[in-house]
Amino acid sequence: MVDNEIDVRIGANLRSLRIRNNLSLGMLAEVVGVTESRLLAFERGESRIGAALLSKMCSVLNVPPFAFFTWLSDQSASGHQLDAA
């Protein structure tokens, strides 16, 4: 899996979690301290989310960090692993 695929998956999970929490793009962006366009870039996988921001998003969305990496449990169950960079 290439880096961008990981960013795209994390972004898709971010979008799903945001919608599940009934937050608009603007609302979440304001609470975590980024612009709407920056948050949209995260959701599209065009920008990488740093650890500190991911932690803040977890607090706001009330989820553990693993919620952004749900595909890893699927790979572990099937015996596949991501290569460490």
C-alpha atoms as a PDB file:
ATOM      1  CA  MET A   1       0.000   0.000   0.000  1.00  0.00           C
ATOM      2  CA  VAL A   2       1.448   3.362  -0.995  1.00  0.00           C
ATOM      3  CA  ASP A   3       1.451   6.327   1.378  1.00  0.00           C
ATOM      4  CA  ASN A   4      -1.309   8.184  -0.450  1.00  0.00           C
ATOM      5  CA  GLU A   5      -3.639   5.180  -0.171  1.00  0.00           C
ATOM      6  CA  ILE A   6      -3.203   5.321   3.595  1.00  0.00           C
ATOM      7  CA  ASP A   7      -3.958   9.062   3.629  1.00  0.00           C
ATOM      8  CA  VAL A   8      -7.070   8.441   1.507  1.00  0.00           C
ATOM      9  CA  ARG A   9      -8.317   5.729   3.879  1.00  0.00           C
ATOM     10  CA  ILE A  10      -7.695   7.868   6.962  1.00  0.00           C
ATOM     11  CA  GLY A  11      -9.452  10.787   5.257  1.00  0.00           C
ATOM     12  CA  ALA A  12     -12.454   8.648   4.365  1.00  0.00           C
ATOM     13  CA  ASN A  13     -12.702   7.507   7.974  1.00  0.00           C
ATOM     14  CA  LEU A  14     -12.431  11.122   9.136  1.00  0.00           C
ATOM     15  CA  ARG A  15     -15.329  12.104   6.881  1.00  0.00           C
ATOM     16  CA  SER A  16     -17.459   9.184   8.081  1.00  0.00           C
ATOM     17  CA  LEU A  17     -16.760  10.005  11.720  1.00  0.00           C
ATOM     18  CA  ARG A  18     -17.525  13.698  11.153  1.00  0.00           C
ATOM     19  CA  ILE A  19     -20.841  12.905   9.499  1.00  0.00           C
ATOM     20  CA  ARG A  20     -21.728  10.323  12.150  1.00  0.00           C
ATOM     21  CA  ASN A  21     -21.224  13.039  14.770  1.00  0.00           C
ATOM     22  CA  ASN A  22     -23.488  15.434  12.816  1.00  0.00           C
ATOM     23  CA  LEU A  23     -20.683  17.954  12.354  1.00  0.00           C
ATOM     24  CA  SER A  24     -20.371  20.115   9.267  1.00  0.00           C
ATOM     25  CA  LEU A  25     -16.989  20.582   7.663  1.00  0.00           C
ATOM     26  CA  GLY A  26     -16.899  24.131   9.029  1.00  0.00           C
ATOM     27  CA  MET A  27     -17.850  23.112  12.561  1.00  0.00           C
ATOM     28  CA  LEU A  28     -15.136  20.468  12.866  1.00  0.00           C
ATOM     29  CA  ALA A  29     -12.558  22.703  11.206  1.00  0.00           C
ATOM     30  CA  GLU A  30     -13.246  25.501  13.679  1.00  0.00           C
ATOM     31  CA  VAL A  31     -13.099  23.237  16.740  1.00  0.00           C
ATOM     32  CA  VAL A  32      -9.790  21.606  15.754  1.00  0.00           C
ATOM     33  CA  GLY A  33      -8.260  24.868  14.521  1.00  0.00           C
ATOM     34  CA  VAL A  34      -7.844  24.387  10.771  1.00  0.00           C
ATOM     35  CA  THR A  35      -9.502  25.932   7.736  1.00  0.00           C
ATOM     36  CA  GLU A  36     -12.363  24.201   5.958  1.00  0.00           C
ATOM     37  CA  SER A  37     -10.204  23.775   2.868  1.00  0.00           C
ATOM     38  CA  ARG A  38      -7.473  22.117   4.951  1.00  0.00           C
ATOM     39  CA  LEU A  39      -9.980  19.738   6.549  1.00  0.00           C
ATOM     40  CA  LEU A  40     -11.380  18.918   3.115  1.00  0.00           C
ATOM     41  CA  ALA A  41      -7.842  18.136   1.923  1.00  0.00           C
ATOM     42  CA  PHE A  42      -7.486  15.718   4.862  1.00  0.00           C
ATOM     43  CA  GLU A  43     -10.783  14.046   4.015  1.00  0.00           C
ATOM     44  CA  ARG A  44      -9.727  13.619   0.385  1.00  0.00           C
ATOM     45  CA  GLY A  45      -6.346  12.190   1.358  1.00  0.00           C
ATOM     46  CA  GLU A  46      -4.533  15.119  -0.244  1.00  0.00           C
ATOM     47  CA  SER A  47      -2.857  16.138   3.024  1.00  0.00           C
ATOM     48  CA  ARG A  48      -1.472  14.059   5.848  1.00  0.00           C
ATOM     49  CA  ILE A  49      -2.892  14.522   9.360  1.00  0.00           C
ATOM     50  CA  GLY A  50      -0.217  15.047  12.011  1.00  0.00           C
ATOM     51  CA  ALA A  51      -0.297  13.215  15.333  1.00  0.00           C
ATOM     52  CA  ALA A  52      -1.269  16.239  17.438  1.00  0.00           C
ATOM     53  CA  LEU A  53      -4.158  17.114  15.140  1.00  0.00           C
ATOM     54  CA  LEU A  54      -5.276  13.484  14.972  1.00  0.00           C
ATOM     55  CA  SER A  55      -5.336  13.427  18.774  1.00  0.00           C
ATOM     56  CA  LYS A  56      -7.459  16.585  18.844  1.00  0.00           C
ATOM     57  CA  MET A  57      -9.846  15.109  16.272  1.00  0.00           C
ATOM     58  CA  CYS A  58     -10.182  11.953  18.362  1.00  0.00           C
ATOM     59  CA  SER A  59     -11.189  14.045  21.375  1.00  0.00           C
ATOM     60  CA  VAL A  60     -13.746  16.056  19.420  1.00  0.00           C
ATOM     61  CA  LEU A  61     -15.190  12.999  17.652  1.00  0.00           C
ATOM     62  CA  ASN A  62     -15.039  10.935  20.856  1.00  0.00           C
ATOM     63  CA  VAL A  63     -13.204   8.012  19.245  1.00  0.00           C
ATOM     64  CA  PRO A  64      -9.893   6.247  19.871  1.00  0.00           C
ATOM     65  CA  PRO A  65      -7.088   6.801  17.340  1.00  0.00           C
ATOM     66  CA  PHE A  66      -7.675   3.307  15.979  1.00  0.00           C
ATOM     67  CA  ALA A  67     -10.993   4.513  14.540  1.00  0.00           C
ATOM     68  CA  PHE A  68      -8.976   6.136  11.757  1.00  0.00           C
ATOM     69  CA  PHE A  69      -7.205   2.844  10.936  1.00  0.00           C
ATOM     70  CA  THR A  70     -10.102   0.397  10.765  1.00  0.00           C
ATOM     71  CA  TRP A  71      -8.724  -1.468   7.750  1.00  0.00           C
ATOM     72  CA  LEU A  72      -5.777  -2.696   9.842  1.00  0.00           C
ATOM     73  CA  SER A  73      -8.008  -5.082  11.790  1.00  0.00           C
ATOM     74  CA  ASP A  74      -9.221  -6.505   8.471  1.00  0.00           C
ATOM     75  CA  GLN A  75      -5.635  -7.064   7.328  1.00  0.00           C
ATOM     76  CA  SER A  76      -4.621  -8.650  10.628  1.00  0.00           C
ATOM     77  CA  ALA A  77      -7.527 -11.064  10.391  1.00  0.00           C
ATOM     78  CA  SER A  78      -6.505 -12.050   6.875  1.00  0.00           C
ATOM     79  CA  GLY A  79      -2.794 -12.304   7.687  1.00  0.00           C
ATOM     80  CA  HIS A  80      -1.729  -9.224   5.697  1.00  0.00           C
ATOM     81  CA  GLN A  81       0.410  -6.506   7.169  1.00  0.00           C
ATOM     82  CA  LEU A  82       1.534  -3.071   6.077  1.00  0.00           C
ATOM     83  CA  ASP A  83       5.232  -2.656   5.405  1.00  0.00           C
ATOM     84  CA  ALA A  84       6.889  -0.204   7.771  1.00  0.00           C
ATOM     85  CA  ALA A  85       8.271   2.823   5.996  1.00  0.00           C
END
